[in-house]
C-alpha atoms as a PDB file:
ATOM      1  CA  MET A   1     -26.708   6.012  58.128  1.00  0.00           C
ATOM      2  CA  ARG A   2     -25.282   8.608  60.531  1.00  0.00           C
ATOM      3  CA  VAL A   3     -27.973  10.762  62.131  1.00  0.00           C
ATOM      4  CA  LEU A   4     -27.222  13.961  64.170  1.00  0.00           C
ATOM      5  CA  ILE A   5     -29.828  14.930  66.708  1.00  0.00           C
ATOM      6  CA  ALA A   6     -29.312  18.362  68.353  1.00  0.00           C
ATOM      7  CA  ASP A   7     -31.728  19.242  71.168  1.00  0.00           C
ATOM      8  CA  ASP A   8     -31.387  20.422  74.737  1.00  0.00           C
ATOM      9  CA  HIS A   9     -34.070  18.065  76.025  1.00  0.00           C
ATOM     10  CA  ARG A  10     -32.809  14.524  76.695  1.00  0.00           C
ATOM     11  CA  LEU A  11     -36.346  13.095  76.376  1.00  0.00           C
ATOM     12  CA  ILE A  12     -36.656  14.517  72.832  1.00  0.00           C
ATOM     13  CA  ILE A  13     -33.305  13.039  71.842  1.00  0.00           C
ATOM     14  CA  GLU A  14     -34.071   9.620  73.253  1.00  0.00           C
ATOM     15  CA  GLY A  15     -37.609   9.620  71.785  1.00  0.00           C
ATOM     16  CA  VAL A  16     -36.394  10.538  68.295  1.00  0.00           C
ATOM     17  CA  LYS A  17     -33.593   7.993  68.457  1.00  0.00           C
ATOM     18  CA  LEU A  18     -35.968   5.281  69.494  1.00  0.00           C
ATOM     19  CA  LYS A  19     -38.255   5.900  66.475  1.00  0.00           C
ATOM     20  CA  LEU A  20     -35.458   6.534  63.930  1.00  0.00           C
ATOM     21  CA  ARG A  21     -33.914   3.130  64.738  1.00  0.00           C
ATOM     22  CA  GLU A  22     -36.649   1.855  62.410  1.00  0.00           C
ATOM     23  CA  LEU A  23     -34.704   3.403  59.517  1.00  0.00           C
ATOM     24  CA  GLY A  24     -32.449   0.359  59.571  1.00  0.00           C
ATOM     25  CA  ASP A  25     -29.991  -1.727  61.547  1.00  0.00           C
ATOM     26  CA  ASP A  26     -27.026   0.412  60.496  1.00  0.00           C
ATOM     27  CA  VAL A  27     -28.240   3.740  61.919  1.00  0.00           C
ATOM     28  CA  ASP A  28     -25.601   5.508  64.006  1.00  0.00           C
ATOM     29  CA  PHE A  29     -26.562   8.426  66.179  1.00  0.00           C
ATOM     30  CA  VAL A  30     -24.574  11.594  67.133  1.00  0.00           C
ATOM     31  CA  GLU A  31     -25.924  13.973  69.749  1.00  0.00           C
ATOM     32  CA  ALA A  32     -25.588  17.617  70.769  1.00  0.00           C
ATOM     33  CA  GLU A  33     -27.389  19.399  73.587  1.00  0.00           C
ATOM     34  CA  SER A  34     -26.140  22.945  72.927  1.00  0.00           C
ATOM     35  CA  VAL A  35     -25.002  25.083  70.002  1.00  0.00           C
ATOM     36  CA  ARG A  36     -21.381  24.635  71.131  1.00  0.00           C
ATOM     37  CA  GLU A  37     -21.688  20.851  71.033  1.00  0.00           C
ATOM     38  CA  LEU A  38     -23.503  21.076  67.690  1.00  0.00           C
ATOM     39  CA  GLU A  39     -20.564  23.058  66.217  1.00  0.00           C
ATOM     40  CA  GLN A  40     -18.162  20.403  67.435  1.00  0.00           C
ATOM     41  CA  ARG A  41     -20.206  17.530  66.010  1.00  0.00           C
ATOM     42  CA  LEU A  42     -20.420  19.265  62.624  1.00  0.00           C
ATOM     43  CA  LYS A  43     -16.607  19.348  62.482  1.00  0.00           C
ATOM     44  CA  GLU A  44     -16.293  15.569  63.159  1.00  0.00           C
ATOM     45  CA  LEU A  45     -15.872  12.985  60.473  1.00  0.00           C
ATOM     46  CA  PRO A  46     -17.655  11.210  58.984  1.00  0.00           C
ATOM     47  CA  ALA A  47     -20.239  13.937  58.643  1.00  0.00           C
ATOM     48  CA  PRO A  48     -23.858  13.069  59.420  1.00  0.00           C
ATOM     49  CA  ASP A  49     -26.075  11.948  56.548  1.00  0.00           C
ATOM     50  CA  VAL A  50     -28.954  13.944  58.005  1.00  0.00           C
ATOM     51  CA  ALA A  51     -29.222  16.404  60.907  1.00  0.00           C
ATOM     52  CA  LEU A  52     -32.288  17.144  63.046  1.00  0.00           C
ATOM     53  CA  ILE A  53     -31.719  20.392  64.899  1.00  0.00           C
ATOM     54  CA  ASP A  54     -33.764  22.220  67.500  1.00  0.00           C
ATOM     55  CA  MET A  55     -34.411  25.794  66.572  1.00  0.00           C
ATOM     56  CA  ALA A  56     -34.192  27.059  70.184  1.00  0.00           C
ATOM     57  CA  MET A  57     -31.056  25.594  71.844  1.00  0.00           C
ATOM     58  CA  PRO A  58     -28.716  26.939  74.576  1.00  0.00           C
ATOM     59  CA  GLY A  59     -26.316  29.306  72.872  1.00  0.00           C
ATOM     60  CA  ALA A  60     -28.520  29.934  69.906  1.00  0.00           C
ATOM     61  CA  GLU A  61     -28.568  33.397  68.379  1.00  0.00           C
ATOM     62  CA  GLY A  62     -31.703  33.432  66.302  1.00  0.00           C
ATOM     63  CA  VAL A  63     -31.280  30.775  63.623  1.00  0.00           C
ATOM     64  CA  ASP A  64     -27.510  31.320  63.067  1.00  0.00           C
ATOM     65  CA  HIS A  65     -26.836  27.748  64.153  1.00  0.00           C
ATOM     66  CA  ILE A  66     -29.270  26.463  61.540  1.00  0.00           C
ATOM     67  CA  LYS A  67     -27.511  28.481  58.817  1.00  0.00           C
ATOM     68  CA  ALA A  68     -24.125  27.194  60.010  1.00  0.00           C
ATOM     69  CA  ALA A  69     -25.411  23.606  59.863  1.00  0.00           C
ATOM     70  CA  VAL A  70     -26.713  23.984  56.294  1.00  0.00           C
ATOM     71  CA  ALA A  71     -23.396  25.441  55.243  1.00  0.00           C
ATOM     72  CA  ALA A  72     -21.340  22.799  57.114  1.00  0.00           C
ATOM     73  CA  LEU A  73     -23.195  19.924  55.515  1.00  0.00           C
ATOM     74  CA  ARG A  74     -22.956  21.269  51.999  1.00  0.00           C
ATOM     75  CA  ASP A  75     -20.727  19.063  49.864  1.00  0.00           C
ATOM     76  CA  PRO A  76     -17.143  20.395  50.138  1.00  0.00           C
ATOM     77  CA  GLY A  77     -16.007  22.261  47.051  1.00  0.00           C
ATOM     78  CA  ASP A  78     -19.340  21.781  45.360  1.00  0.00           C
ATOM     79  CA  ASP A  79     -20.299  24.525  42.942  1.00  0.00           C
ATOM     80  CA  THR A  80     -23.181  22.737  41.209  1.00  0.00           C
ATOM     81  CA  GLY A  81     -25.946  23.890  43.501  1.00  0.00           C
ATOM     82  CA  SER A  82     -26.239  20.506  45.267  1.00  0.00           C
ATOM     83  CA  ARG A  83     -28.005  20.861  48.538  1.00  0.00           C
ATOM     84  CA  GLY A  84     -25.562  18.532  50.305  1.00  0.00           C
ATOM     85  CA  ARG A  85     -26.645  16.512  53.347  1.00  0.00           C
ATOM     86  CA  PRO A  86     -30.118  17.511  54.557  1.00  0.00           C
ATOM     87  CA  VAL A  87     -30.932  19.518  57.636  1.00  0.00           C
ATOM     88  CA  ILE A  88     -34.299  19.187  59.338  1.00  0.00           C
ATOM     89  CA  VAL A  89     -35.509  21.675  61.924  1.00  0.00           C
ATOM     90  CA  LEU A  90     -37.199  20.345  65.103  1.00  0.00           C
ATOM     91  CA  SER A  91     -39.306  23.033  66.722  1.00  0.00           C
ATOM     92  CA  GLY A  92     -41.875  23.562  69.408  1.00  0.00           C
ATOM     93  CA  THR A  93     -43.679  26.082  67.278  1.00  0.00           C
ATOM     94  CA  GLU A  94     -45.887  25.596  64.214  1.00  0.00           C
ATOM     95  CA  ASP A  95     -45.854  29.278  63.318  1.00  0.00           C
ATOM     96  CA  PRO A  96     -46.034  29.519  59.506  1.00  0.00           C
ATOM     97  CA  SER A  97     -43.694  32.499  59.546  1.00  0.00           C
ATOM     98  CA  ALA A  98     -41.039  30.482  61.346  1.00  0.00           C
ATOM     99  CA  ILE A  99     -41.455  27.675  58.776  1.00  0.00           C
ATOM    100  CA  ARG A 100     -41.128  30.131  55.879  1.00  0.00           C
ATOM    101  CA  HIS A 101     -38.034  31.618  57.448  1.00  0.00           C
ATOM    102  CA  VAL A 102     -36.077  28.367  57.814  1.00  0.00           C
ATOM    103  CA  LEU A 103     -37.159  27.169  54.351  1.00  0.00           C
ATOM    104  CA  ASP A 104     -35.417  30.271  53.071  1.00  0.00           C
ATOM    105  CA  LEU A 105     -32.219  29.084  54.747  1.00  0.00           C
ATOM    106  CA  GLY A 106     -32.151  25.871  52.686  1.00  0.00           C
ATOM    107  CA  VAL A 107     -33.389  23.348  55.205  1.00  0.00           C
ATOM    108  CA  GLN A 108     -35.223  20.307  53.820  1.00  0.00           C
ATOM    109  CA  GLY A 109     -37.739  19.774  56.574  1.00  0.00           C
ATOM    110  CA  TYR A 110     -39.553  21.286  59.495  1.00  0.00           C
ATOM    111  CA  ILE A 111     -40.963  18.906  62.096  1.00  0.00           C
ATOM    112  CA  PRO A 112     -43.050  20.201  65.051  1.00  0.00           C
ATOM    113  CA  LYS A 113     -42.129  18.409  68.255  1.00  0.00           C
ATOM    114  CA  SER A 114     -45.800  17.696  68.799  1.00  0.00           C
ATOM    115  CA  SER A 115     -45.759  15.404  65.763  1.00  0.00           C
ATOM    116  CA  PRO A 116     -46.559  11.689  66.363  1.00  0.00           C
ATOM    117  CA  PRO A 117     -43.513   9.366  66.174  1.00  0.00           C
ATOM    118  CA  ASP A 118     -44.616   7.805  62.895  1.00  0.00           C
ATOM    119  CA  VAL A 119     -44.860  11.310  61.335  1.00  0.00           C
ATOM    120  CA  ILE A 120     -41.310  12.071  62.421  1.00  0.00           C
ATOM    121  CA  LEU A 121     -40.062   8.772  61.013  1.00  0.00           C
ATOM    122  CA  ASN A 122     -41.812   9.253  57.644  1.00  0.00           C
ATOM    123  CA  ALA A 123     -40.700  12.896  57.456  1.00  0.00           C
ATOM    124  CA  VAL A 124     -37.094  11.837  57.833  1.00  0.00           C
ATOM    125  CA  ARG A 125     -37.491   9.100  55.256  1.00  0.00           C
ATOM    126  CA  LEU A 126     -38.976  11.624  52.824  1.00  0.00           C
ATOM    127  CA  VAL A 127     -36.118  14.107  53.322  1.00  0.00           C
ATOM    128  CA  VAL A 128     -33.394  11.453  53.079  1.00  0.00           C
ATOM    129  CA  GLY A 129     -35.043  10.352  49.839  1.00  0.00           C
ATOM    130  CA  GLY A 130     -34.676  13.807  48.376  1.00  0.00           C
ATOM    131  CA  GLY A 131     -38.013  15.401  49.296  1.00  0.00           C
ATOM    132  CA  ILE A 132     -38.964  18.332  51.461  1.00  0.00           C
ATOM    133  CA  TYR A 133     -41.205  17.923  54.546  1.00  0.00           C
ATOM    134  CA  VAL A 134     -43.481  20.722  55.656  1.00  0.00           C
ATOM    135  CA  PRO A 135     -46.200  20.152  58.284  1.00  0.00           C
ATOM    136  CA  PRO A 136     -49.568  19.497  56.565  1.00  0.00           C
ATOM    137  CA  GLU A 137     -51.275  22.338  58.400  1.00  0.00           C
ATOM    138  CA  ALA A 138     -48.707  24.780  57.153  1.00  0.00           C
ATOM    139  CA  MET A 139     -49.150  23.538  53.549  1.00  0.00           C
ATOM    140  CA  LYS A 140     -52.934  23.809  53.924  1.00  0.00           C
ATOM    141  CA  SER A 141     -52.624  27.343  55.215  1.00  0.00           C
ATOM    142  CA  ALA A 142     -50.376  28.261  52.282  1.00  0.00           C
ATOM    143  CA  ALA A 143     -52.591  26.465  49.762  1.00  0.00           C
ATOM    144  CA  ALA A 144     -55.617  28.348  50.962  1.00  0.00           C
ATOM    145  CA  THR A 145     -53.960  31.637  49.894  1.00  0.00           C
ATOM    146  CA  VAL A 146     -52.812  30.463  46.481  1.00  0.00           C
ATOM    147  CA  ALA A 147     -54.982  31.759  43.614  1.00  0.00           C
ATOM    148  CA  PRO A 148     -57.797  29.371  42.625  1.00  0.00           C
ATOM    149  CA  THR A 149     -56.309  28.975  39.116  1.00  0.00           C
ATOM    150  CA  PHE A 150     -53.436  27.084  40.720  1.00  0.00           C
ATOM    151  CA  ALA A 151     -55.496  24.869  43.002  1.00  0.00           C
ATOM    152  CA  LEU A 152     -54.745  21.180  43.278  1.00  0.00           C
ATOM    153  CA  SER A 153     -57.530  20.115  40.936  1.00  0.00           C
ATOM    154  CA  ASN A 154     -57.636  20.966  37.249  1.00  0.00           C
ATOM    155  CA  GLY A 155     -59.608  24.010  36.152  1.00  0.00           C
ATOM    156  CA  ASN A 156     -62.407  24.264  33.606  1.00  0.00           C
ATOM    157  CA  ASP A 157     -59.795  25.052  30.930  1.00  0.00           C
ATOM    158  CA  GLY A 158     -58.795  21.407  30.811  1.00  0.00           C
ATOM    159  CA  LEU A 159     -55.175  22.186  31.677  1.00  0.00           C
ATOM    160  CA  THR A 160     -53.187  20.496  34.401  1.00  0.00           C
ATOM    161  CA  THR A 161     -51.697  22.618  37.090  1.00  0.00           C
ATOM    162  CA  LYS A 162     -48.244  22.147  35.491  1.00  0.00           C
ATOM    163  CA  GLU A 163     -49.553  23.312  32.115  1.00  0.00           C
ATOM    164  CA  ARG A 164     -51.355  26.244  33.699  1.00  0.00           C
ATOM    165  CA  LEU A 165     -48.173  27.339  35.423  1.00  0.00           C
ATOM    166  CA  ALA A 166     -46.375  27.268  32.093  1.00  0.00           C
ATOM    167  CA  THR A 167     -48.841  29.791  30.729  1.00  0.00           C
ATOM    168  CA  VAL A 168     -47.836  32.479  33.282  1.00  0.00           C
ATOM    169  CA  LEU A 169     -44.178  31.700  33.950  1.00  0.00           C
ATOM    170  CA  THR A 170     -41.124  31.817  31.641  1.00  0.00           C
ATOM    171  CA  ASP A 171     -38.987  28.760  31.208  1.00  0.00           C
ATOM    172  CA  ARG A 172     -36.310  30.351  33.429  1.00  0.00           C
ATOM    173  CA  GLN A 173     -38.838  31.119  36.159  1.00  0.00           C
ATOM    174  CA  ILE A 174     -39.995  27.512  36.057  1.00  0.00           C
ATOM    175  CA  ASP A 175     -36.364  26.447  36.473  1.00  0.00           C
ATOM    176  CA  VAL A 176     -36.106  28.680  39.541  1.00  0.00           C
ATOM    177  CA  LEU A 177     -39.407  27.342  40.930  1.00  0.00           C
ATOM    178  CA  LYS A 178     -38.233  23.713  40.492  1.00  0.00           C
ATOM    179  CA  LEU A 179     -35.027  24.392  42.436  1.00  0.00           C
ATOM    180  CA  LEU A 180     -37.054  26.209  45.081  1.00  0.00           C
ATOM    181  CA  ALA A 181     -39.138  23.017  45.453  1.00  0.00           C
ATOM    182  CA  LYS A 182     -35.950  21.061  46.019  1.00  0.00           C
ATOM    183  CA  GLY A 183     -34.975  23.218  48.993  1.00  0.00           C
ATOM    184  CA  ARG A 184     -32.317  25.322  47.295  1.00  0.00           C
ATOM    185  CA  PRO A 185     -31.590  28.718  48.865  1.00  0.00           C
ATOM    186  CA  ASN A 186     -31.063  31.646  46.524  1.00  0.00           C
ATOM    187  CA  LYS A 187     -27.287  31.257  46.480  1.00  0.00           C
ATOM    188  CA  LEU A 188     -27.451  27.673  45.241  1.00  0.00           C
ATOM    189  CA  ILE A 189     -30.190  28.402  42.770  1.00  0.00           C
ATOM    190  CA  ALA A 190     -27.901  31.085  41.299  1.00  0.00           C
ATOM    191  CA  ARG A 191     -24.956  28.665  41.090  1.00  0.00           C
ATOM    192  CA  GLU A 192     -26.937  25.898  39.414  1.00  0.00           C
ATOM    193  CA  LEU A 193     -28.512  28.224  36.876  1.00  0.00           C
ATOM    194  CA  GLN A 194     -25.313  30.258  36.443  1.00  0.00           C
ATOM    195  CA  ILE A 195     -26.973  33.547  37.196  1.00  0.00           C
ATOM    196  CA  SER A 196     -26.485  36.123  39.937  1.00  0.00           C
ATOM    197  CA  GLU A 197     -28.366  36.067  43.253  1.00  0.00           C
ATOM    198  CA  GLY A 198     -29.857  39.402  42.329  1.00  0.00           C
ATOM    199  CA  THR A 199     -31.371  37.816  39.206  1.00  0.00           C
ATOM    200  CA  VAL A 200     -32.743  34.935  41.258  1.00  0.00           C
ATOM    201  CA  LYS A 201     -34.486  37.465  43.544  1.00  0.00           C
ATOM    202  CA  ILE A 202     -35.968  39.195  40.495  1.00  0.00           C
ATOM    203  CA  HIS A 203     -37.268  35.884  39.166  1.00  0.00           C
ATOM    204  CA  LEU A 204     -38.723  35.008  42.554  1.00  0.00           C
ATOM    205  CA  ALA A 205     -40.501  38.349  42.831  1.00  0.00           C
ATOM    206  CA  ALA A 206     -41.963  37.791  39.360  1.00  0.00           C
ATOM    207  CA  ILE A 207     -43.011  34.247  40.323  1.00  0.00           C
ATOM    208  CA  PHE A 208     -44.742  35.483  43.448  1.00  0.00           C
ATOM    209  CA  ARG A 209     -46.628  38.108  41.447  1.00  0.00           C
ATOM    210  CA  ALA A 210     -47.619  35.637  38.702  1.00  0.00           C
ATOM    211  CA  LEU A 211     -48.874  33.041  41.167  1.00  0.00           C
ATOM    212  CA  HIS A 212     -50.482  35.631  43.503  1.00  0.00           C
ATOM    213  CA  VAL A 213     -48.468  34.320  46.480  1.00  0.00           C
ATOM    214  CA  ARG A 214     -46.556  36.173  49.123  1.00  0.00           C
ATOM    215  CA  ASN A 215     -43.649  33.979  50.029  1.00  0.00           C
ATOM    216  CA  ARG A 216     -41.616  30.832  49.328  1.00  0.00           C
ATOM    217  CA  LEU A 217     -43.906  28.546  51.284  1.00  0.00           C
ATOM    218  CA  GLU A 218     -46.940  29.516  49.214  1.00  0.00           C
ATOM    219  CA  ALA A 219     -44.848  29.223  46.034  1.00  0.00           C
ATOM    220  CA  LEU A 220     -43.777  25.791  47.151  1.00  0.00           C
ATOM    221  CA  VAL A 221     -47.393  24.652  47.088  1.00  0.00           C
ATOM    222  CA  ALA A 222     -47.580  25.489  43.379  1.00  0.00           C
ATOM    223  CA  ALA A 223     -44.106  24.104  42.750  1.00  0.00           C
ATOM    224  CA  GLN A 224     -45.129  20.644  43.933  1.00  0.00           C
ATOM    225  CA  HIS A 225     -47.062  20.183  40.673  1.00  0.00           C
ATOM    226  CA  LEU A 226     -44.133  20.794  38.344  1.00  0.00           C
ATOM    227  CA  GLY A 227     -42.621  17.345  38.860  1.00  0.00           C
ATOM    228  CA  ASP A 228     -39.063  16.648  37.782  1.00  0.00           C
END
């Protein structure tokens, strides 16, 4: 496994490397300490299997370097909506709005730098295995705002959360929600479902209204109960 770690703090790089060696004996690390170095590493072959990237690096202009990394690690010539090789954001902030923003870019994980080493390791394992990692506190914050009818436990109607979602969403909206849960940005959702990005946005707006949520992170809470 080839792992790219991009951060301008050497201690962070060395600490993450030390823990991620537990992924296996065949882990190979690539490093970058600035956006310029990150751009160079993303052009090298073989491409990394997973990238952990600091949100605030020297040379960064907002989150443009995160967008570029997501695009660079997308499977070449792929038009199926595949998310490609995963990108995980490393950040010193746990601001829910920042988490929502990068999830919209198509990243598959957001790890606060304050996280214990074991959390970082397990988060990377989850993402490499096809999941999405969001800090528990961010998920709790989002879950607290989701309408009670879509809470984690079953309601008095005897329906599971999945069944309850099906009563307020169309089949196409559920398709969109499932892809949202897999970390797809709007563009890739549109490709996979063979619809326009504008239609995706319309479906998302309808989903947000139906679930009484305000954003993708809160919708993601509900989406976790749809399964495959």
